[in-house]
Amino acid sequence: MDIVLRVPVKTFVYKYITAKYGSPWHLNSKCKDGKMLQEFLERAPHRHEKYASNQKILEIVIPSRIFLQKGSYLSQARINAFIEIIHMDIMNEINNFYSAITDGLGLKKYSVVRVDVAEPGQKVKTRRLQPSVAPKFFEQREVIYDFLKKYDITEDDLTFDAMKKQLYRSTKIKN
């Protein structure tokens, strides 16, 4: 008999996991995320912690053999570690996708790009971006938005600016 574990996670983790593995997620050791979560499982203590109530509930089906070996309890610290690891996986996936594009796989080239800039209390002005800057900006933007759309993650879940900064840092380290 399988056990259903309900784990409170951030919305972007919930959407990412359900898009990848379905809902409920049937835990197995064939995938990296499943192996990691199995390592986080432990026997339930006598006193349970209270979980944060403002998060999405991820349902995980744990096979009985794993339940008997490991248990079915996740402490808040281990849930937070799981969320952080999934966030890193998301950023790595975006970085790999961006690297593939910039290495010439489906690269979009822009010769001249004009952007409408609205400033408070003034007319909308059209500004021309430098050709060397324009492709980089729009490729990063498209990569991030395509990735978010793939997993149905909104800007409320993960902000575009945070992802853009993380992508910039990872590409800067690489170069």
N, C-alpha and C. Protein backbone atom coordinates (compact mmCIF):
# COMPACT_ATOMS: atom_id res chain seq x y z
N MET A 1 0.83 -1.17 0.00
CA MET A 1 0.00 0.00 0.00
C MET A 1 0.89 1.25 0.00
N ASP A 2 0.62 2.15 -0.93
CA ASP A 2 1.41 3.37 -1.05
C ASP A 2 0.91 4.45 -0.10
N ILE A 3 1.80 5.32 0.30
CA ILE A 3 1.50 6.41 1.23
C ILE A 3 1.51 7.71 0.44
N VAL A 4 0.56 8.60 0.70
CA VAL A 4 0.54 9.92 0.06
C VAL A 4 1.07 10.94 1.07
N LEU A 5 2.16 11.59 0.70
CA LEU A 5 2.77 12.62 1.54
C LEU A 5 2.42 13.98 0.94
N ARG A 6 1.93 14.88 1.75
CA ARG A 6 1.57 16.23 1.30
C ARG A 6 2.62 17.20 1.83
N VAL A 7 3.37 17.80 0.90
CA VAL A 7 4.50 18.65 1.26
C VAL A 7 4.22 20.08 0.81
N PRO A 8 4.30 21.05 1.73
CA PRO A 8 4.12 22.45 1.33
C PRO A 8 5.39 22.98 0.67
N VAL A 9 5.26 23.45 -0.57
CA VAL A 9 6.40 23.97 -1.32
C VAL A 9 6.01 25.28 -1.96
N LYS A 10 7.00 26.02 -2.44
CA LYS A 10 6.73 27.27 -3.15
C LYS A 10 6.02 26.96 -4.46
N THR A 11 5.29 27.92 -4.95
CA THR A 11 4.45 27.71 -6.14
C THR A 11 5.27 27.29 -7.35
N PHE A 12 6.45 27.90 -7.58
CA PHE A 12 7.23 27.54 -8.75
C PHE A 12 7.75 26.11 -8.67
N VAL A 13 8.04 25.62 -7.46
CA VAL A 13 8.47 24.23 -7.29
C VAL A 13 7.31 23.30 -7.60
N TYR A 14 6.12 23.64 -7.10
CA TYR A 14 4.93 22.84 -7.36
C TYR A 14 4.67 22.72 -8.86
N LYS A 15 4.72 23.85 -9.57
CA LYS A 15 4.45 23.84 -11.01
C LYS A 15 5.52 23.07 -11.77
N TYR A 16 6.77 23.24 -11.38
CA TYR A 16 7.89 22.57 -12.04
C TYR A 16 7.78 21.05 -11.87
N ILE A 17 7.55 20.61 -10.64
CA ILE A 17 7.48 19.17 -10.36
C ILE A 17 6.25 18.54 -11.01
N THR A 18 5.09 19.20 -10.93
CA THR A 18 3.89 18.62 -11.53
C THR A 18 3.99 18.60 -13.05
N ALA A 19 4.66 19.58 -13.65
CA ALA A 19 4.84 19.57 -15.11
C ALA A 19 5.80 18.45 -15.52
N LYS A 20 6.79 18.19 -14.69
CA LYS A 20 7.79 17.17 -15.00
C LYS A 20 7.32 15.75 -14.70
N TYR A 21 6.66 15.57 -13.56
CA TYR A 21 6.34 14.22 -13.08
C TYR A 21 4.86 13.94 -12.92
N GLY A 22 4.02 14.94 -13.06
CA GLY A 22 2.58 14.74 -12.90
C GLY A 22 2.14 14.95 -11.46
N SER A 23 0.81 14.93 -11.28
CA SER A 23 0.27 15.10 -9.95
C SER A 23 -0.74 13.99 -9.68
N PRO A 24 -0.60 13.22 -8.66
CA PRO A 24 0.47 13.23 -7.67
C PRO A 24 1.76 12.64 -8.25
N TRP A 25 2.86 13.05 -7.68
CA TRP A 25 4.17 12.58 -8.12
C TRP A 25 4.44 11.23 -7.48
N HIS A 26 4.61 10.20 -8.32
CA HIS A 26 4.93 8.86 -7.83
C HIS A 26 6.44 8.77 -7.66
N LEU A 27 6.86 8.78 -6.44
CA LEU A 27 8.28 8.80 -6.11
C LEU A 27 8.96 7.51 -6.54
N ASN A 28 10.09 7.65 -7.25
CA ASN A 28 10.91 6.49 -7.59
C ASN A 28 12.37 6.92 -7.63
N SER A 29 13.24 5.96 -7.74
CA SER A 29 14.67 6.28 -7.72
C SER A 29 15.26 6.36 -9.12
N LYS A 30 14.42 6.44 -10.14
CA LYS A 30 14.91 6.52 -11.52
C LYS A 30 15.31 7.95 -11.91
N CYS A 31 14.76 8.94 -11.22
CA CYS A 31 15.08 10.33 -11.54
C CYS A 31 15.89 10.95 -10.41
N LYS A 32 16.64 11.98 -10.76
CA LYS A 32 17.51 12.66 -9.79
C LYS A 32 16.71 13.26 -8.64
N ASP A 33 15.59 13.89 -8.96
CA ASP A 33 14.77 14.53 -7.92
C ASP A 33 14.17 13.48 -6.98
N GLY A 34 13.78 12.34 -7.52
CA GLY A 34 13.24 11.26 -6.70
C GLY A 34 14.27 10.69 -5.75
N LYS A 35 15.49 10.50 -6.25
CA LYS A 35 16.58 10.00 -5.39
C LYS A 35 16.86 10.98 -4.26
N MET A 36 16.89 12.26 -4.61
CA MET A 36 17.19 13.28 -3.61
C MET A 36 16.11 13.30 -2.53
N LEU A 37 14.85 13.26 -2.94
CA LEU A 37 13.77 13.31 -1.97
C LEU A 37 13.77 12.06 -1.08
N GLN A 38 14.13 10.93 -1.65
CA GLN A 38 14.22 9.71 -0.84
C GLN A 38 15.28 9.86 0.25
N GLU A 39 16.37 10.52 -0.07
CA GLU A 39 17.42 10.74 0.93
C GLU A 39 16.96 11.69 2.03
N PHE A 40 16.03 12.58 1.71
CA PHE A 40 15.53 13.53 2.69
C PHE A 40 14.51 12.91 3.65
N LEU A 41 13.87 11.81 3.24
CA LEU A 41 12.84 11.19 4.08
C LEU A 41 13.45 10.64 5.36
N GLU A 42 12.68 10.71 6.43
CA GLU A 42 13.13 10.15 7.71
C GLU A 42 11.90 9.69 8.49
N ARG A 43 12.15 8.97 9.54
CA ARG A 43 11.07 8.52 10.41
C ARG A 43 10.47 9.73 11.12
N ALA A 44 9.18 9.68 11.34
CA ALA A 44 8.48 10.80 11.97
C ALA A 44 8.86 10.93 13.44
N PRO A 45 9.20 12.13 13.90
CA PRO A 45 9.48 12.33 15.32
C PRO A 45 8.17 12.33 16.11
N HIS A 46 8.28 12.35 17.42
CA HIS A 46 7.07 12.34 18.25
C HIS A 46 6.30 13.65 18.14
N ARG A 47 7.03 14.75 17.96
CA ARG A 47 6.37 16.05 17.81
C ARG A 47 6.61 16.55 16.40
N HIS A 48 5.55 16.84 15.69
CA HIS A 48 5.65 17.34 14.32
C HIS A 48 5.78 18.85 14.29
N GLU A 49 6.53 19.35 13.31
CA GLU A 49 6.63 20.80 13.10
C GLU A 49 5.39 21.28 12.36
N LYS A 50 5.09 22.55 12.51
CA LYS A 50 4.02 23.14 11.72
C LYS A 50 4.64 23.68 10.44
N TYR A 51 4.01 23.40 9.31
CA TYR A 51 4.50 23.87 8.03
C TYR A 51 3.91 25.24 7.72
N ALA A 52 4.58 25.95 6.84
CA ALA A 52 4.06 27.25 6.38
C ALA A 52 2.77 27.00 5.61
N SER A 53 1.74 27.76 5.92
CA SER A 53 0.43 27.49 5.32
C SER A 53 0.18 28.23 4.02
N ASN A 54 1.05 29.17 3.65
CA ASN A 54 0.81 29.97 2.46
C ASN A 54 1.44 29.37 1.20
N GLN A 55 1.81 28.11 1.25
CA GLN A 55 2.47 27.49 0.11
C GLN A 55 1.57 26.44 -0.52
N LYS A 56 1.90 26.06 -1.75
CA LYS A 56 1.16 25.02 -2.46
C LYS A 56 1.49 23.67 -1.85
N ILE A 57 0.55 22.75 -1.92
CA ILE A 57 0.76 21.41 -1.37
C ILE A 57 1.07 20.45 -2.52
N LEU A 58 2.28 19.90 -2.48
CA LEU A 58 2.73 18.94 -3.47
C LEU A 58 2.44 17.55 -2.94
N GLU A 59 1.66 16.76 -3.68
CA GLU A 59 1.35 15.40 -3.25
C GLU A 59 2.36 14.45 -3.85
N ILE A 60 2.96 13.65 -2.98
CA ILE A 60 3.98 12.69 -3.40
C ILE A 60 3.54 11.31 -2.94
N VAL A 61 3.44 10.38 -3.87
CA VAL A 61 3.07 9.01 -3.54
C VAL A 61 4.35 8.24 -3.26
N ILE A 62 4.46 7.75 -2.04
CA ILE A 62 5.65 7.02 -1.62
C ILE A 62 5.33 5.53 -1.61
N PRO A 63 6.07 4.73 -2.37
CA PRO A 63 5.84 3.28 -2.34
C PRO A 63 6.07 2.72 -0.94
N SER A 64 5.39 1.65 -0.61
CA SER A 64 5.46 1.10 0.74
C SER A 64 6.86 0.63 1.12
N ARG A 65 7.63 0.13 0.16
CA ARG A 65 8.99 -0.32 0.48
C ARG A 65 9.88 0.85 0.91
N ILE A 66 9.72 2.01 0.26
CA ILE A 66 10.48 3.20 0.66
C ILE A 66 9.99 3.70 2.02
N PHE A 67 8.67 3.65 2.22
CA PHE A 67 8.11 4.06 3.50
C PHE A 67 8.67 3.21 4.64
N LEU A 68 8.76 1.91 4.43
CA LEU A 68 9.27 1.02 5.47
C LEU A 68 10.77 1.22 5.72
N GLN A 69 11.52 1.52 4.65
CA GLN A 69 12.96 1.71 4.80
C GLN A 69 13.31 3.07 5.38
N LYS A 70 12.70 4.12 4.86
CA LYS A 70 13.09 5.50 5.18
C LYS A 70 12.14 6.22 6.12
N GLY A 71 10.86 6.02 5.94
CA GLY A 71 9.85 6.78 6.67
C GLY A 71 9.11 7.69 5.72
N SER A 72 8.31 8.59 6.28
CA SER A 72 7.52 9.49 5.43
C SER A 72 7.48 10.91 5.98
N TYR A 73 8.51 11.30 6.65
CA TYR A 73 8.52 12.63 7.27
C TYR A 73 9.60 13.49 6.64
N LEU A 74 9.26 14.76 6.38
CA LEU A 74 10.23 15.74 5.90
C LEU A 74 10.20 16.93 6.86
N SER A 75 11.34 17.24 7.44
CA SER A 75 11.41 18.40 8.32
C SER A 75 11.38 19.67 7.47
N GLN A 76 11.08 20.80 8.11
CA GLN A 76 11.03 22.07 7.37
C GLN A 76 12.39 22.40 6.77
N ALA A 77 13.46 22.07 7.46
CA ALA A 77 14.81 22.33 6.93
C ALA A 77 15.05 21.53 5.65
N ARG A 78 14.59 20.29 5.63
CA ARG A 78 14.76 19.45 4.44
C ARG A 78 13.84 19.90 3.30
N ILE A 79 12.66 20.38 3.63
CA ILE A 79 11.77 20.92 2.60
C ILE A 79 12.41 22.16 1.98
N ASN A 80 12.98 23.03 2.83
CA ASN A 80 13.66 24.23 2.33
C ASN A 80 14.85 23.86 1.45
N ALA A 81 15.60 22.84 1.83
CA ALA A 81 16.72 22.37 1.02
C ALA A 81 16.23 21.84 -0.32
N PHE A 82 15.12 21.10 -0.31
CA PHE A 82 14.52 20.57 -1.54
C PHE A 82 14.11 21.72 -2.46
N ILE A 83 13.47 22.75 -1.90
CA ILE A 83 13.05 23.91 -2.69
C ILE A 83 14.27 24.60 -3.30
N GLU A 84 15.32 24.76 -2.53
CA GLU A 84 16.54 25.42 -3.02
C GLU A 84 17.19 24.60 -4.14
N ILE A 85 17.21 23.30 -4.00
CA ILE A 85 17.81 22.44 -5.03
C ILE A 85 16.99 22.50 -6.31
N ILE A 86 15.67 22.50 -6.20
CA ILE A 86 14.82 22.62 -7.39
C ILE A 86 15.04 23.97 -8.05
N HIS A 87 15.19 25.03 -7.25
CA HIS A 87 15.47 26.36 -7.81
C HIS A 87 16.78 26.35 -8.59
N MET A 88 17.80 25.69 -8.03
CA MET A 88 19.09 25.58 -8.73
C MET A 88 18.94 24.77 -10.02
N ASP A 89 18.13 23.71 -9.99
CA ASP A 89 17.87 22.92 -11.20
C ASP A 89 17.21 23.77 -12.28
N ILE A 90 16.26 24.60 -11.87
CA ILE A 90 15.59 25.48 -12.82
C ILE A 90 16.60 26.44 -13.44
N MET A 91 17.45 27.04 -12.62
CA MET A 91 18.44 27.98 -13.15
C MET A 91 19.45 27.27 -14.05
N ASN A 92 19.84 26.05 -13.71
CA ASN A 92 20.75 25.30 -14.57
C ASN A 92 20.11 24.96 -15.91
N GLU A 93 18.83 24.62 -15.87
CA GLU A 93 18.12 24.31 -17.10
C GLU A 93 18.01 25.55 -18.00
N ILE A 94 17.73 26.70 -17.40
CA ILE A 94 17.68 27.95 -18.17
C ILE A 94 19.06 28.26 -18.74
N ASN A 95 20.10 28.09 -17.93
CA ASN A 95 21.46 28.36 -18.38
C ASN A 95 21.86 27.44 -19.54
N ASN A 96 21.51 26.17 -19.45
CA ASN A 96 21.81 25.22 -20.55
C ASN A 96 21.06 25.60 -21.82
N PHE A 97 19.80 25.99 -21.67
CA PHE A 97 18.99 26.40 -22.80
C PHE A 97 19.59 27.65 -23.45
N TYR A 98 19.99 28.61 -22.62
CA TYR A 98 20.58 29.85 -23.12
C TYR A 98 21.93 29.57 -23.80
N SER A 99 22.73 28.70 -23.22
CA SER A 99 24.03 28.35 -23.81
C SER A 99 23.85 27.70 -25.18
N ALA A 100 22.86 26.83 -25.29
CA ALA A 100 22.60 26.17 -26.57
C ALA A 100 22.21 27.20 -27.63
N ILE A 101 21.42 28.19 -27.24
CA ILE A 101 21.00 29.22 -28.20
C ILE A 101 22.18 30.10 -28.60
N THR A 102 22.97 30.54 -27.63
CA THR A 102 24.09 31.42 -27.96
C THR A 102 25.20 30.70 -28.68
N ASP A 103 25.25 29.38 -28.58
CA ASP A 103 26.24 28.61 -29.33
C ASP A 103 25.82 28.39 -30.78
N GLY A 104 24.67 28.94 -31.16
CA GLY A 104 24.27 28.90 -32.56
C GLY A 104 23.12 27.98 -32.88
N LEU A 105 22.51 27.36 -31.89
CA LEU A 105 21.38 26.47 -32.14
C LEU A 105 20.10 27.30 -32.10
N GLY A 106 19.61 27.73 -33.26
CA GLY A 106 18.39 28.52 -33.31
C GLY A 106 18.56 29.96 -32.89
N LEU A 107 19.75 30.49 -33.05
CA LEU A 107 20.04 31.85 -32.62
C LEU A 107 19.29 32.86 -33.49
N LYS A 108 18.62 33.81 -32.84
CA LYS A 108 17.93 34.87 -33.57
C LYS A 108 18.84 36.08 -33.60
N LYS A 109 19.02 36.65 -34.76
CA LYS A 109 19.88 37.83 -34.90
C LYS A 109 19.00 39.04 -35.18
N TYR A 110 19.33 40.13 -34.54
CA TYR A 110 18.64 41.40 -34.74
C TYR A 110 19.67 42.41 -35.20
N SER A 111 19.39 43.10 -36.30
CA SER A 111 20.34 44.11 -36.74
C SER A 111 20.03 45.46 -36.09
N VAL A 112 18.75 45.84 -36.08
CA VAL A 112 18.35 47.10 -35.46
C VAL A 112 17.13 46.80 -34.59
N VAL A 113 17.18 47.26 -33.37
CA VAL A 113 16.05 47.04 -32.46
C VAL A 113 15.64 48.37 -31.87
N ARG A 114 14.35 48.63 -31.94
CA ARG A 114 13.81 49.85 -31.35
C ARG A 114 12.86 49.44 -30.23
N VAL A 115 12.95 50.13 -29.10
CA VAL A 115 12.14 49.81 -27.94
C VAL A 115 11.37 51.06 -27.54
N ASP A 116 10.07 50.90 -27.27
CA ASP A 116 9.26 52.00 -26.78
C ASP A 116 9.46 52.10 -25.28
N VAL A 117 9.87 53.29 -24.84
CA VAL A 117 10.10 53.53 -23.42
C VAL A 117 9.09 54.56 -22.94
N ALA A 118 8.31 54.16 -21.93
CA ALA A 118 7.32 55.06 -21.36
C ALA A 118 7.86 55.61 -20.06
N GLU A 119 7.97 56.93 -19.98
CA GLU A 119 8.41 57.57 -18.75
C GLU A 119 7.22 58.28 -18.13
N PRO A 120 7.11 58.26 -16.82
CA PRO A 120 5.95 58.88 -16.16
C PRO A 120 5.83 60.37 -16.51
N GLY A 121 4.64 60.76 -16.93
CA GLY A 121 4.37 62.16 -17.22
C GLY A 121 4.89 62.64 -18.57
N GLN A 122 5.45 61.75 -19.39
CA GLN A 122 5.97 62.14 -20.70
C GLN A 122 5.42 61.21 -21.77
N LYS A 123 5.66 61.64 -23.02
CA LYS A 123 5.25 60.81 -24.16
C LYS A 123 6.10 59.55 -24.24
N VAL A 124 5.57 58.57 -24.92
CA VAL A 124 6.34 57.35 -25.17
C VAL A 124 7.42 57.67 -26.19
N LYS A 125 8.65 57.35 -25.85
CA LYS A 125 9.77 57.60 -26.75
C LYS A 125 10.28 56.28 -27.30
N THR A 126 10.68 56.32 -28.56
CA THR A 126 11.27 55.14 -29.16
C THR A 126 12.78 55.29 -29.12
N ARG A 127 13.43 54.33 -28.49
CA ARG A 127 14.89 54.35 -28.38
C ARG A 127 15.47 53.20 -29.18
N ARG A 128 16.62 53.47 -29.73
CA ARG A 128 17.30 52.45 -30.53
C ARG A 128 18.39 51.82 -29.67
N LEU A 129 18.36 50.50 -29.59
CA LEU A 129 19.40 49.79 -28.85
C LEU A 129 20.58 49.54 -29.78
N GLN A 130 21.75 49.50 -29.23
CA GLN A 130 22.94 49.20 -30.03
C GLN A 130 22.84 47.76 -30.53
N PRO A 131 23.23 47.51 -31.78
CA PRO A 131 23.13 46.15 -32.32
C PRO A 131 23.87 45.10 -31.49
N SER A 132 24.96 45.46 -30.84
CA SER A 132 25.70 44.48 -30.05
C SER A 132 24.96 44.11 -28.76
N VAL A 133 24.15 45.01 -28.23
CA VAL A 133 23.44 44.77 -26.98
C VAL A 133 22.08 44.13 -27.23
N ALA A 134 21.42 44.50 -28.30
CA ALA A 134 20.05 44.07 -28.57
C ALA A 134 19.87 42.55 -28.62
N PRO A 135 20.68 41.81 -29.39
CA PRO A 135 20.44 40.36 -29.42
C PRO A 135 20.59 39.70 -28.06
N LYS A 136 21.58 40.12 -27.30
CA LYS A 136 21.82 39.52 -26.00
C LYS A 136 20.62 39.73 -25.08
N PHE A 137 20.10 40.98 -25.06
CA PHE A 137 18.98 41.30 -24.19
C PHE A 137 17.74 40.49 -24.57
N PHE A 138 17.42 40.49 -25.86
CA PHE A 138 16.19 39.81 -26.26
C PHE A 138 16.33 38.29 -26.21
N GLU A 139 17.52 37.76 -26.44
CA GLU A 139 17.69 36.32 -26.32
C GLU A 139 17.50 35.89 -24.88
N GLN A 140 18.11 36.62 -23.94
CA GLN A 140 17.93 36.28 -22.52
C GLN A 140 16.46 36.36 -22.14
N ARG A 141 15.83 37.44 -22.56
CA ARG A 141 14.43 37.64 -22.22
C ARG A 141 13.56 36.53 -22.79
N GLU A 142 13.78 36.18 -24.05
CA GLU A 142 13.00 35.13 -24.69
C GLU A 142 13.25 33.77 -24.05
N VAL A 143 14.50 33.49 -23.71
CA VAL A 143 14.83 32.22 -23.08
C VAL A 143 14.10 32.10 -21.74
N ILE A 144 14.15 33.15 -20.94
CA ILE A 144 13.51 33.10 -19.63
C ILE A 144 12.00 32.97 -19.77
N TYR A 145 11.39 33.77 -20.64
CA TYR A 145 9.94 33.70 -20.80
C TYR A 145 9.50 32.38 -21.42
N ASP A 146 10.27 31.83 -22.37
CA ASP A 146 9.94 30.52 -22.93
C ASP A 146 10.00 29.44 -21.86
N PHE A 147 11.02 29.52 -21.01
CA PHE A 147 11.15 28.53 -19.94
C PHE A 147 9.99 28.64 -18.96
N LEU A 148 9.66 29.86 -18.57
CA LEU A 148 8.55 30.05 -17.64
C LEU A 148 7.24 29.53 -18.23
N LYS A 149 7.06 29.76 -19.52
CA LYS A 149 5.84 29.29 -20.18
C LYS A 149 5.81 27.76 -20.24
N LYS A 150 6.97 27.15 -20.44
CA LYS A 150 7.05 25.68 -20.52
C LYS A 150 6.51 25.02 -19.26
N TYR A 151 6.82 25.59 -18.10
CA TYR A 151 6.39 25.00 -16.84
C TYR A 151 5.22 25.75 -16.20
N ASP A 152 4.62 26.68 -16.94
CA ASP A 152 3.47 27.45 -16.47
C ASP A 152 3.79 28.21 -15.18
N ILE A 153 5.01 28.74 -15.11
CA ILE A 153 5.44 29.52 -13.95
C ILE A 153 5.23 30.99 -14.28
N THR A 154 4.62 31.73 -13.36
CA THR A 154 4.35 33.14 -13.60
C THR A 154 5.40 34.00 -12.90
N GLU A 155 5.35 35.30 -13.17
CA GLU A 155 6.29 36.22 -12.53
C GLU A 155 6.02 36.36 -11.04
N ASP A 156 4.82 36.01 -10.61
CA ASP A 156 4.53 36.03 -9.17
C ASP A 156 5.29 34.91 -8.47
N ASP A 157 5.55 33.82 -9.19
CA ASP A 157 6.25 32.67 -8.62
C ASP A 157 7.76 32.91 -8.60
N LEU A 158 8.31 33.29 -9.73
CA LEU A 158 9.74 33.60 -9.88
C LEU A 158 9.83 34.90 -10.67
N THR A 159 10.50 35.89 -10.15
CA THR A 159 10.56 37.17 -10.86
C THR A 159 11.55 37.11 -12.02
N PHE A 160 11.21 37.82 -13.08
CA PHE A 160 12.05 37.88 -14.26
C PHE A 160 13.42 38.47 -13.94
N ASP A 161 13.43 39.55 -13.15
CA ASP A 161 14.69 40.22 -12.82
C ASP A 161 15.65 39.31 -12.06
N ALA A 162 15.13 38.55 -11.12
CA ALA A 162 15.99 37.63 -10.36
C ALA A 162 16.58 36.56 -11.28
N MET A 163 15.76 36.05 -12.19
CA MET A 163 16.24 35.03 -13.11
C MET A 163 17.25 35.61 -14.09
N LYS A 164 17.01 36.84 -14.53
CA LYS A 164 17.93 37.50 -15.45
C LYS A 164 19.29 37.72 -14.79
N LYS A 165 19.27 38.17 -13.53
CA LYS A 165 20.52 38.38 -12.79
C LYS A 165 21.28 37.07 -12.61
N GLN A 166 20.54 36.01 -12.27
CA GLN A 166 21.18 34.71 -12.08
C GLN A 166 21.77 34.20 -13.39
N LEU A 167 21.06 34.40 -14.50
CA LEU A 167 21.57 33.98 -15.81
C LEU A 167 22.81 34.79 -16.17
N TYR A 168 22.79 36.09 -15.88
CA TYR A 168 23.95 36.94 -16.15
C TYR A 168 25.16 36.47 -15.34
N ARG A 169 24.94 36.16 -14.05
CA ARG A 169 26.04 35.69 -13.21
C ARG A 169 26.62 34.37 -13.72
N SER A 170 25.76 33.47 -14.11
CA SER A 170 26.24 32.16 -14.56
C SER A 170 26.97 32.27 -15.90
N THR A 171 26.53 33.15 -16.79
CA THR A 171 27.23 33.32 -18.06
C THR A 171 28.52 34.09 -17.86
N LYS A 172 28.56 34.99 -16.89
CA LYS A 172 29.79 35.75 -16.59
C LYS A 172 30.86 34.83 -16.02
N ILE A 173 30.46 33.92 -15.15
CA ILE A 173 31.40 32.95 -14.56
C ILE A 173 31.96 32.04 -15.64
N LYS A 174 31.09 31.65 -16.57
CA LYS A 174 31.47 30.74 -17.65
C LYS A 174 32.53 31.35 -18.57
N ASN A 175 32.37 32.66 -18.83
CA ASN A 175 33.27 33.34 -19.78
C ASN A 175 34.53 33.73 -19.13
